[in-house]
PDB file of all heavy atoms in Angstrom:
ATOM      1  N   LEU A   1     -18.870   8.571 -27.361  1.00  0.00           N
ATOM      2  CA  LEU A   1     -17.354   8.703 -27.506  1.00  0.00           C
ATOM      3  C   LEU A   1     -16.673   8.961 -26.103  1.00  0.00           C
ATOM      4  O   LEU A   1     -15.689   8.376 -25.861  1.00  0.00           O
ATOM      5  CB  LEU A   1     -17.149   9.967 -28.446  1.00  0.00           C
ATOM      6  CG  LEU A   1     -15.645  10.333 -28.598  1.00  0.00           C
ATOM      7  CD1 LEU A   1     -15.005   9.263 -29.447  1.00  0.00           C
ATOM      8  CD2 LEU A   1     -15.538  11.648 -29.280  1.00  0.00           C
ATOM      9  N   VAL A   2     -17.321   9.741 -25.243  1.00  0.00           N
ATOM     10  CA  VAL A   2     -16.750  10.013 -23.927  1.00  0.00           C
ATOM     11  C   VAL A   2     -16.674   8.705 -23.231  1.00  0.00           C
ATOM     12  O   VAL A   2     -15.641   8.274 -22.403  1.00  0.00           O
ATOM     13  CB  VAL A   2     -17.630  11.067 -23.094  1.00  0.00           C
ATOM     14  CG1 VAL A   2     -17.147  11.117 -21.667  1.00  0.00           C
ATOM     15  CG2 VAL A   2     -17.297  12.356 -23.766  1.00  0.00           C
ATOM     16  N   LEU A   3     -17.658   7.852 -23.153  1.00  0.00           N
ATOM     17  CA  LEU A   3     -17.672   6.495 -22.429  1.00  0.00           C
ATOM     18  C   LEU A   3     -16.630   5.642 -22.972  1.00  0.00           C
ATOM     19  O   LEU A   3     -15.930   4.916 -22.215  1.00  0.00           O
ATOM     20  CB  LEU A   3     -19.087   5.945 -22.475  1.00  0.00           C
ATOM     21  CG  LEU A   3     -20.100   6.642 -21.619  1.00  0.00           C
ATOM     22  CD1 LEU A   3     -21.527   6.103 -21.828  1.00  0.00           C
ATOM     23  CD2 LEU A   3     -19.758   6.658 -20.173  1.00  0.00           C
ATOM     24  N   VAL A   4     -16.611   5.578 -24.334  1.00  0.00           N
ATOM     25  CA  VAL A   4     -15.474   4.670 -24.928  1.00  0.00           C
ATOM     26  C   VAL A   4     -14.211   5.040 -24.463  1.00  0.00           C
ATOM     27  O   VAL A   4     -13.273   4.267 -24.139  1.00  0.00           O
ATOM     28  CB  VAL A   4     -15.777   4.621 -26.427  1.00  0.00           C
ATOM     29  CG1 VAL A   4     -14.490   3.943 -27.097  1.00  0.00           C
ATOM     30  CG2 VAL A   4     -17.066   3.823 -26.862  1.00  0.00           C
ATOM     31  N   VAL A   5     -13.906   6.374 -24.618  1.00  0.00           N
ATOM     32  CA  VAL A   5     -12.492   6.923 -24.247  1.00  0.00           C
ATOM     33  C   VAL A   5     -12.254   6.579 -22.739  1.00  0.00           C
ATOM     34  O   VAL A   5     -11.185   6.186 -22.483  1.00  0.00           O
ATOM     35  CB  VAL A   5     -12.455   8.342 -24.486  1.00  0.00           C
ATOM     36  CG1 VAL A   5     -11.279   9.023 -23.912  1.00  0.00           C
ATOM     37  CG2 VAL A   5     -12.463   8.703 -26.124  1.00  0.00           C
ATOM     38  N   LEU A   6     -13.184   6.910 -21.929  1.00  0.00           N
ATOM     39  CA  LEU A   6     -12.962   6.611 -20.360  1.00  0.00           C
ATOM     40  C   LEU A   6     -12.679   5.114 -20.098  1.00  0.00           C
ATOM     41  O   LEU A   6     -11.861   4.896 -19.432  1.00  0.00           O
ATOM     42  CB  LEU A   6     -14.163   7.128 -19.633  1.00  0.00           C
ATOM     43  CG  LEU A   6     -14.364   8.683 -19.532  1.00  0.00           C
ATOM     44  CD1 LEU A   6     -15.533   9.056 -18.772  1.00  0.00           C
ATOM     45  CD2 LEU A   6     -13.092   9.306 -18.885  1.00  0.00           C
ATOM     46  N   VAL A   7     -13.482   4.323 -20.758  1.00  0.00           N
ATOM     47  CA  VAL A   7     -13.279   2.776 -20.554  1.00  0.00           C
ATOM     48  C   VAL A   7     -11.882   2.417 -21.116  1.00  0.00           C
ATOM     49  O   VAL A   7     -11.162   1.603 -20.469  1.00  0.00           O
ATOM     50  CB  VAL A   7     -14.389   1.962 -21.171  1.00  0.00           C
ATOM     51  CG1 VAL A   7     -14.097   0.598 -21.110  1.00  0.00           C
ATOM     52  CG2 VAL A   7     -15.734   2.226 -20.426  1.00  0.00           C
ATOM     53  N   LEU A   8     -11.578   2.826 -22.348  1.00  0.00           N
ATOM     54  CA  LEU A   8     -10.315   2.339 -22.906  1.00  0.00           C
ATOM     55  C   LEU A   8      -9.158   2.980 -22.171  1.00  0.00           C
ATOM     56  O   LEU A   8      -8.249   2.186 -21.883  1.00  0.00           O
ATOM     57  CB  LEU A   8     -10.262   2.836 -24.400  1.00  0.00           C
ATOM     58  CG  LEU A   8     -11.183   2.061 -25.394  1.00  0.00           C
ATOM     59  CD1 LEU A   8     -11.001   2.753 -26.777  1.00  0.00           C
ATOM     60  CD2 LEU A   8     -10.744   0.565 -25.479  1.00  0.00           C
ATOM     61  N   LEU A   9      -9.211   4.222 -21.796  1.00  0.00           N
ATOM     62  CA  LEU A   9      -8.109   4.828 -21.019  1.00  0.00           C
ATOM     63  C   LEU A   9      -7.930   4.205 -19.660  1.00  0.00           C
ATOM     64  O   LEU A   9      -6.705   4.060 -19.178  1.00  0.00           O
ATOM     65  CB  LEU A   9      -8.223   6.329 -21.033  1.00  0.00           C
ATOM     66  CG  LEU A   9      -8.021   7.108 -22.249  1.00  0.00           C
ATOM     67  CD1 LEU A   9      -8.259   8.679 -21.962  1.00  0.00           C
ATOM     68  CD2 LEU A   9      -6.733   6.861 -22.850  1.00  0.00           C
ATOM     69  N   SER A  10      -8.983   3.889 -19.076  1.00  0.00           N
ATOM     70  CA  SER A  10      -8.816   3.197 -17.747  1.00  0.00           C
ATOM     71  C   SER A  10      -8.260   1.845 -17.790  1.00  0.00           C
ATOM     72  O   SER A  10      -7.400   1.484 -17.080  1.00  0.00           O
ATOM     73  CB  SER A  10     -10.046   3.207 -16.990  1.00  0.00           C
ATOM     74  OG  SER A  10     -10.980   2.255 -17.574  1.00  0.00           O
ATOM     75  N   ARG A  11      -8.433   1.096 -18.929  1.00  0.00           N
ATOM     76  CA  ARG A  11      -7.825  -0.132 -19.006  1.00  0.00           C
ATOM     77  C   ARG A  11      -6.381  -0.075 -19.399  1.00  0.00           C
ATOM     78  O   ARG A  11      -5.593  -0.721 -18.958  1.00  0.00           O
ATOM     79  CB  ARG A  11      -8.619  -0.984 -20.207  1.00  0.00           C
ATOM     80  CG  ARG A  11      -9.877  -1.471 -19.676  1.00  0.00           C
ATOM     81  CD  ARG A  11     -10.664  -2.372 -20.658  1.00  0.00           C
ATOM     82  NE  ARG A  11     -11.915  -2.682 -20.110  1.00  0.00           N
ATOM     83  CZ  ARG A  11     -12.882  -3.344 -20.851  1.00  0.00           C
ATOM     84  NH1 ARG A  11     -12.655  -3.518 -22.049  1.00  0.00           N
ATOM     85  NH2 ARG A  11     -13.985  -3.566 -20.159  1.00  0.00           N
ATOM     86  N   ILE A  12      -6.098   0.958 -20.258  1.00  0.00           N
ATOM     87  CA  ILE A  12      -4.724   1.163 -20.660  1.00  0.00           C
ATOM     88  C   ILE A  12      -3.909   1.626 -19.579  1.00  0.00           C
ATOM     89  O   ILE A  12      -2.756   1.162 -19.319  1.00  0.00           O
ATOM     90  CB  ILE A  12      -4.651   2.154 -21.964  1.00  0.00           C
ATOM     91  CG1 ILE A  12      -5.180   1.556 -23.124  1.00  0.00           C
ATOM     92  CG2 ILE A  12      -3.286   2.752 -21.996  1.00  0.00           C
ATOM     93  CD1 ILE A  12      -5.484   2.642 -24.298  1.00  0.00           C
ATOM     94  N   ASP A  13      -4.387   2.408 -18.634  1.00  0.00           N
ATOM     95  CA  ASP A  13      -3.805   2.903 -17.503  1.00  0.00           C
ATOM     96  C   ASP A  13      -3.411   1.615 -16.511  1.00  0.00           C
ATOM     97  O   ASP A  13      -2.280   1.715 -16.033  1.00  0.00           O
ATOM     98  CB  ASP A  13      -4.582   3.902 -16.634  1.00  0.00           C
ATOM     99  CG  ASP A  13      -3.910   4.613 -15.585  1.00  0.00           C
ATOM    100  OD1 ASP A  13      -2.797   4.999 -15.721  1.00  0.00           O
ATOM    101  OD2 ASP A  13      -4.534   4.675 -14.623  1.00  0.00           O
ATOM    102  N   ARG A  14      -4.318   0.767 -16.475  1.00  0.00           N
ATOM    103  CA  ARG A  14      -4.052  -0.196 -15.551  1.00  0.00           C
ATOM    104  C   ARG A  14      -2.964  -1.174 -16.156  1.00  0.00           C
ATOM    105  O   ARG A  14      -2.205  -1.801 -15.452  1.00  0.00           O
ATOM    106  CB  ARG A  14      -5.325  -1.127 -15.324  1.00  0.00           C
ATOM    107  CG  ARG A  14      -6.167  -0.567 -14.216  1.00  0.00           C
ATOM    108  CD  ARG A  14      -7.320  -1.341 -14.002  1.00  0.00           C
ATOM    109  NE  ARG A  14      -8.242  -1.093 -15.110  1.00  0.00           N
ATOM    110  CZ  ARG A  14      -9.462  -1.527 -15.171  1.00  0.00           C
ATOM    111  NH1 ARG A  14      -9.950  -2.406 -14.362  1.00  0.00           N
ATOM    112  NH2 ARG A  14     -10.200  -1.163 -16.304  1.00  0.00           N
ATOM    113  N   LEU A  15      -2.966  -1.349 -17.535  1.00  0.00           N
ATOM    114  CA  LEU A  15      -1.981  -2.169 -18.146  1.00  0.00           C
ATOM    115  C   LEU A  15      -0.622  -1.593 -18.067  1.00  0.00           C
ATOM    116  O   LEU A  15       0.374  -2.183 -17.899  1.00  0.00           O
ATOM    117  CB  LEU A  15      -2.285  -2.373 -19.640  1.00  0.00           C
ATOM    118  CG  LEU A  15      -3.560  -3.355 -19.872  1.00  0.00           C
ATOM    119  CD1 LEU A  15      -3.869  -3.324 -21.362  1.00  0.00           C
ATOM    120  CD2 LEU A  15      -3.200  -4.766 -19.350  1.00  0.00           C
ATOM    121  N   VAL A  16      -0.547  -0.238 -18.411  1.00  0.00           N
ATOM    122  CA  VAL A  16       0.740   0.426 -18.366  1.00  0.00           C
ATOM    123  C   VAL A  16       1.358   0.622 -16.964  1.00  0.00           C
ATOM    124  O   VAL A  16       2.526   0.446 -16.799  1.00  0.00           O
ATOM    125  CB  VAL A  16       0.625   1.701 -19.069  1.00  0.00           C
ATOM    126  CG1 VAL A  16       1.909   2.662 -18.876  1.00  0.00           C
ATOM    127  CG2 VAL A  16       0.239   1.488 -20.566  1.00  0.00           C
ATOM    128  N   ASP A  17       0.633   1.066 -16.104  1.00  0.00           N
ATOM    129  CA  ASP A  17       1.100   1.514 -14.678  1.00  0.00           C
ATOM    130  C   ASP A  17       0.825   0.308 -13.567  1.00  0.00           C
ATOM    131  O   ASP A  17      -0.056   0.471 -12.820  1.00  0.00           O
ATOM    132  CB  ASP A  17       0.551   2.843 -14.336  1.00  0.00           C
ATOM    133  CG  ASP A  17       1.250   3.352 -13.119  1.00  0.00           C
ATOM    134  OD1 ASP A  17       2.425   2.854 -12.868  1.00  0.00           O
ATOM    135  OD2 ASP A  17       0.762   4.256 -12.522  1.00  0.00           O
ATOM    136  N   ARG A  18       1.491  -0.759 -13.774  1.00  0.00           N
ATOM    137  CA  ARG A  18       1.363  -1.820 -12.739  1.00  0.00           C
ATOM    138  C   ARG A  18       2.281  -1.655 -11.557  1.00  0.00           C
ATOM    139  O   ARG A  18       2.495  -2.560 -10.844  1.00  0.00           O
ATOM    140  CB  ARG A  18       1.561  -3.135 -13.429  1.00  0.00           C
ATOM    141  CG  ARG A  18       0.393  -3.465 -14.380  1.00  0.00           C
ATOM    142  CD  ARG A  18       0.564  -4.729 -14.943  1.00  0.00           C
ATOM    143  NE  ARG A  18      -0.599  -5.090 -15.881  1.00  0.00           N
ATOM    144  CZ  ARG A  18      -1.455  -6.094 -15.742  1.00  0.00           C
ATOM    145  NH1 ARG A  18      -1.129  -7.026 -14.946  1.00  0.00           N
ATOM    146  NH2 ARG A  18      -2.379  -6.211 -16.556  1.00  0.00           N
ATOM    147  N   ARG A  19       3.024  -0.541 -11.514  1.00  0.00           N
ATOM    148  CA  ARG A  19       4.037  -0.258 -10.480  1.00  0.00           C
ATOM    149  C   ARG A  19       3.266   0.082  -9.132  1.00  0.00           C
ATOM    150  O   ARG A  19       2.123   0.514  -9.166  1.00  0.00           O
ATOM    151  CB  ARG A  19       4.914   0.788 -10.814  1.00  0.00           C
ATOM    152  CG  ARG A  19       5.720   0.416 -12.079  1.00  0.00           C
ATOM    153  CD  ARG A  19       6.627   1.587 -12.460  1.00  0.00           C
ATOM    154  NE  ARG A  19       5.729   2.687 -12.946  1.00  0.00           N
ATOM    155  CZ  ARG A  19       6.242   3.790 -13.423  1.00  0.00           C
ATOM    156  NH1 ARG A  19       7.502   4.088 -13.457  1.00  0.00           N
ATOM    157  NH2 ARG A  19       5.405   4.768 -13.794  1.00  0.00           N
ATOM    158  N   HIS A  20       3.925  -0.145  -8.195  1.00  0.00           N
ATOM    159  CA  HIS A  20       3.271   0.089  -6.756  1.00  0.00           C
ATOM    160  C   HIS A  20       3.691   1.403  -6.209  1.00  0.00           C
ATOM    161  O   HIS A  20       4.759   1.928  -6.603  1.00  0.00           O
ATOM    162  CB  HIS A  20       3.598  -1.086  -5.728  1.00  0.00           C
ATOM    163  CG  HIS A  20       3.414  -2.273  -6.189  1.00  0.00           C
ATOM    164  ND1 HIS A  20       2.041  -2.847  -6.193  1.00  0.00           N
ATOM    165  CD2 HIS A  20       4.047  -3.423  -6.749  1.00  0.00           C
ATOM    166  CE1 HIS A  20       2.107  -4.106  -6.561  1.00  0.00           C
ATOM    167  NE2 HIS A  20       3.205  -4.428  -7.063  1.00  0.00           N
ATOM    168  N   LEU A  21       2.823   1.995  -5.469  1.00  0.00           N
ATOM    169  CA  LEU A  21       3.133   3.286  -4.780  1.00  0.00           C
ATOM    170  C   LEU A  21       3.747   3.023  -3.351  1.00  0.00           C
ATOM    171  O   LEU A  21       3.259   2.113  -2.685  1.00  0.00           O
ATOM    172  CB  LEU A  21       1.928   4.097  -4.656  1.00  0.00           C
ATOM    173  CG  LEU A  21       1.358   4.641  -5.882  1.00  0.00           C
ATOM    174  CD1 LEU A  21      -0.001   5.366  -5.570  1.00  0.00           C
ATOM    175  CD2 LEU A  21       2.215   5.576  -6.660  1.00  0.00           C
ATOM    176  N   GLU A  22       4.816   3.610  -2.993  1.00  0.00           N
ATOM    177  CA  GLU A  22       5.510   3.564  -1.794  1.00  0.00           C
ATOM    178  C   GLU A  22       5.605   5.003  -1.235  1.00  0.00           C
ATOM    179  O   GLU A  22       5.851   5.894  -1.977  1.00  0.00           O
ATOM    180  CB  GLU A  22       6.705   2.891  -1.954  1.00  0.00           C
ATOM    181  CG  GLU A  22       6.612   1.434  -2.518  1.00  0.00           C
ATOM    182  CD  GLU A  22       6.144   0.471  -1.577  1.00  0.00           C
ATOM    183  OE1 GLU A  22       6.157   0.725  -0.275  1.00  0.00           O
ATOM    184  OE2 GLU A  22       5.846  -0.623  -1.932  1.00  0.00           O
ATOM    185  N   ALA A  23       5.623   5.212   0.173  1.00  0.00           N
ATOM    186  CA  ALA A  23       6.052   6.342   0.792  1.00  0.00           C
ATOM    187  C   ALA A  23       7.211   6.009   1.608  1.00  0.00           C
ATOM    188  O   ALA A  23       7.197   5.066   2.455  1.00  0.00           O
ATOM    189  CB  ALA A  23       4.895   6.870   1.606  1.00  0.00           C
ATOM    190  N   VAL A  24       8.320   6.780   1.572  1.00  0.00           N
ATOM    191  CA  VAL A  24       9.387   6.493   2.275  1.00  0.00           C
ATOM    192  C   VAL A  24       9.793   7.789   3.020  1.00  0.00           C
ATOM    193  O   VAL A  24       9.846   8.806   2.391  1.00  0.00           O
ATOM    194  CB  VAL A  24      10.749   6.149   1.380  1.00  0.00           C
ATOM    195  CG1 VAL A  24      12.059   6.019   2.242  1.00  0.00           C
ATOM    196  CG2 VAL A  24      10.517   4.831   0.601  1.00  0.00           C
ATOM    197  N   ARG A  25       9.828   7.727   4.329  1.00  0.00           N
ATOM    198  CA  ARG A  25      10.149   8.741   5.351  1.00  0.00           C
ATOM    199  C   ARG A  25      11.418   8.647   5.799  1.00  0.00           C
ATOM    200  O   ARG A  25      11.798   7.611   6.381  1.00  0.00           O
ATOM    201  CB  ARG A  25       9.022   8.672   6.445  1.00  0.00           C
ATOM    202  CG  ARG A  25       9.080   9.793   7.333  1.00  0.00           C
ATOM    203  CD  ARG A  25       7.873   9.836   8.182  1.00  0.00           C
ATOM    204  NE  ARG A  25       7.688   9.677   9.439  1.00  0.00           N
ATOM    205  CZ  ARG A  25       8.576   9.542  10.462  1.00  0.00           C
ATOM    206  NH1 ARG A  25       9.690   9.428  10.362  1.00  0.00           N
ATOM    207  NH2 ARG A  25       8.199   9.368  11.771  1.00  0.00           N
ATOM    208  N   VAL A  26      12.209   9.682   5.606  1.00  0.00           N
ATOM    209  CA  VAL A  26      13.466   9.786   6.254  1.00  0.00           C
ATOM    210  C   VAL A  26      13.670  10.938   7.082  1.00  0.00           C
ATOM    211  O   VAL A  26      13.062  12.005   6.906  1.00  0.00           O
ATOM    212  CB  VAL A  26      14.659   9.657   5.073  1.00  0.00           C
ATOM    213  CG1 VAL A  26      14.472   8.467   4.197  1.00  0.00           C
ATOM    214  CG2 VAL A  26      14.602  10.872   4.240  1.00  0.00           C
ATOM    215  N   VAL A  27      14.560  10.821   8.167  1.00  0.00           N
ATOM    216  CA  VAL A  27      14.905  12.017   8.852  1.00  0.00           C
ATOM    217  C   VAL A  27      16.504  12.142   8.804  1.00  0.00           C
ATOM    218  O   VAL A  27      17.240  11.219   9.027  1.00  0.00           O
ATOM    219  CB  VAL A  27      14.573  11.793  10.399  1.00  0.00           C
ATOM    220  CG1 VAL A  27      15.071  12.925  11.196  1.00  0.00           C
ATOM    221  CG2 VAL A  27      13.042  11.704  10.495  1.00  0.00           C
ATOM    222  N   VAL A  28      16.897  13.303   8.284  1.00  0.00           N
ATOM    223  CA  VAL A  28      18.353  13.517   8.100  1.00  0.00           C
ATOM    224  C   VAL A  28      18.718  14.860   8.607  1.00  0.00           C
ATOM    225  O   VAL A  28      17.865  15.758   8.908  1.00  0.00           O
ATOM    226  CB  VAL A  28      18.776  13.429   6.504  1.00  0.00           C
ATOM    227  CG1 VAL A  28      18.450  12.096   6.000  1.00  0.00           C
ATOM    228  CG2 VAL A  28      18.028  14.416   5.792  1.00  0.00           C
TER     229      VAL A  28
END
């Protein structure tokens, strides 16, 4: 059960969150 859940959730996570991470640094 744990292995099935981990595999399924990692695939769902990759499908749902295809957005990129960015860091924006500002000085104000």
